[in-house]
C-alpha atoms as a PDB file:
ATOM      1  CA  MET A   1     275.730  69.693 -32.306  1.00  0.00           C
ATOM      2  CA  THR A   2     277.965  68.513 -35.328  1.00  0.00           C
ATOM      3  CA  ASP A   3     277.328  65.701 -36.951  1.00  0.00           C
ATOM      4  CA  ARG A   4     279.641  63.623 -34.848  1.00  0.00           C
ATOM      5  CA  PRO A   5     278.079  63.455 -31.519  1.00  0.00           C
ATOM      6  CA  LEU A   6     279.838  60.032 -30.398  1.00  0.00           C
ATOM      7  CA  SER A   7     283.355  61.329 -31.107  1.00  0.00           C
ATOM      8  CA  ASP A   8     282.660  64.661 -29.818  1.00  0.00           C
ATOM      9  CA  ALA A   9     281.340  63.171 -26.138  1.00  0.00           C
ATOM     10  CA  VAL A  10     284.451  60.952 -26.010  1.00  0.00           C
ATOM     11  CA  ALA A  11     286.802  63.773 -26.682  1.00  0.00           C
ATOM     12  CA  ALA A  12     284.973  65.958 -23.964  1.00  0.00           C
ATOM     13  CA  GLY A  13     285.827  62.840 -21.403  1.00  0.00           C
ATOM     14  CA  TRP A  14     282.616  60.865 -21.280  1.00  0.00           C
ATOM     15  CA  GLU A  15     283.491  56.959 -21.140  1.00  0.00           C
ATOM     16  CA  ILE A  16     281.297  54.051 -23.365  1.00  0.00           C
ATOM     17  CA  VAL A  17     279.651  52.219 -20.986  1.00  0.00           C
ATOM     18  CA  SER A  18     277.426  50.140 -22.781  1.00  0.00           C
ATOM     19  CA  TYR A  19     276.188  50.331 -26.606  1.00  0.00           C
ATOM     20  CA  SER A  20     272.564  48.618 -28.368  1.00  0.00           C
ATOM     21  CA  ALA A  21     270.782  49.821 -32.006  1.00  0.00           C
ATOM     22  CA  THR A  22     267.052  49.118 -32.738  1.00  0.00           C
ATOM     23  CA  ASP A  23     265.791  48.752 -36.129  1.00  0.00           C
ATOM     24  CA  TYR A  24     262.905  51.070 -36.297  1.00  0.00           C
ATOM     25  CA  SER A  25     259.946  49.576 -39.590  1.00  0.00           C
ATOM     26  CA  GLY A  26     263.195  47.671 -41.479  1.00  0.00           C
ATOM     27  CA  GLU A  27     265.116  50.963 -42.298  1.00  0.00           C
ATOM     28  CA  THR A  28     266.079  53.232 -39.355  1.00  0.00           C
ATOM     29  CA  TYR A  29     268.628  52.228 -36.826  1.00  0.00           C
ATOM     30  CA  GLN A  30     268.566  53.793 -33.411  1.00  0.00           C
ATOM     31  CA  HIS A  31     272.257  53.773 -31.922  1.00  0.00           C
ATOM     32  CA  ASN A  32     271.577  54.096 -28.210  1.00  0.00           C
ATOM     33  CA  VAL A  33     274.731  54.919 -26.256  1.00  0.00           C
ATOM     34  CA  LEU A  34     275.303  55.040 -22.503  1.00  0.00           C
ATOM     35  CA  LEU A  35     278.444  57.515 -21.456  1.00  0.00           C
ATOM     36  CA  ARG A  36     279.974  57.720 -17.812  1.00  0.00           C
ATOM     37  CA  ARG A  37     282.201  61.085 -16.193  1.00  0.00           C
ATOM     38  CA  GLN A  38     282.978  61.820 -12.904  1.00  0.00           C
ATOM     39  CA  GLY A  39     279.729  59.291 -11.408  1.00  0.00           C
ATOM     40  CA  GLN A  40     277.074  60.936 -14.204  1.00  0.00           C
ATOM     41  CA  HIS A  41     275.838  58.887 -16.415  1.00  0.00           C
ATOM     42  CA  ARG A  42     274.026  60.203 -19.949  1.00  0.00           C
ATOM     43  CA  ILE A  43     272.165  57.527 -22.964  1.00  0.00           C
ATOM     44  CA  LEU A  44     273.187  59.209 -26.673  1.00  0.00           C
ATOM     45  CA  ASN A  45     270.024  58.177 -29.030  1.00  0.00           C
ATOM     46  CA  ILE A  46     271.119  58.491 -32.511  1.00  0.00           C
ATOM     47  CA  ARG A  47     269.295  58.314 -35.365  1.00  0.00           C
ATOM     48  CA  LYS A  48     269.486  59.972 -38.901  1.00  0.00           C
ATOM     49  CA  LYS A  49     266.372  61.978 -39.963  1.00  0.00           C
ATOM     50  CA  MET A  50     263.592  60.380 -41.495  1.00  0.00           C
ATOM     51  CA  LEU A  51     263.273  63.020 -44.500  1.00  0.00           C
ATOM     52  CA  GLY A  52     266.566  65.038 -45.300  1.00  0.00           C
ATOM     53  CA  GLU A  53     270.115  64.579 -44.073  1.00  0.00           C
ATOM     54  CA  GLY A  54     271.786  65.059 -41.045  1.00  0.00           C
ATOM     55  CA  LEU A  55     271.304  63.587 -37.792  1.00  0.00           C
ATOM     56  CA  VAL A  56     268.527  63.576 -34.609  1.00  0.00           C
ATOM     57  CA  VAL A  57     270.347  63.513 -31.448  1.00  0.00           C
ATOM     58  CA  THR A  58     268.519  63.314 -27.872  1.00  0.00           C
ATOM     59  CA  GLU A  59     270.975  63.564 -24.388  1.00  0.00           C
ATOM     60  CA  LEU A  60     269.100  62.313 -21.687  1.00  0.00           C
ATOM     61  CA  GLU A  61     270.512  62.249 -18.254  1.00  0.00           C
ATOM     62  CA  VAL A  62     269.857  59.632 -16.002  1.00  0.00           C
END
């Protein structure tokens, strides 16, 4: 996965349906995006790594 997972998903034809952000311990935000494409739904969970640089991205099929 690249460092622009949401842009990549939209470029691949996924539509953003909903978005939310959660504050973890006052330092790290977790961004949750509900995506839709051709009747399929997916939740994209994005947060910064705790140590080092980069992102941790999790995709959940709904």
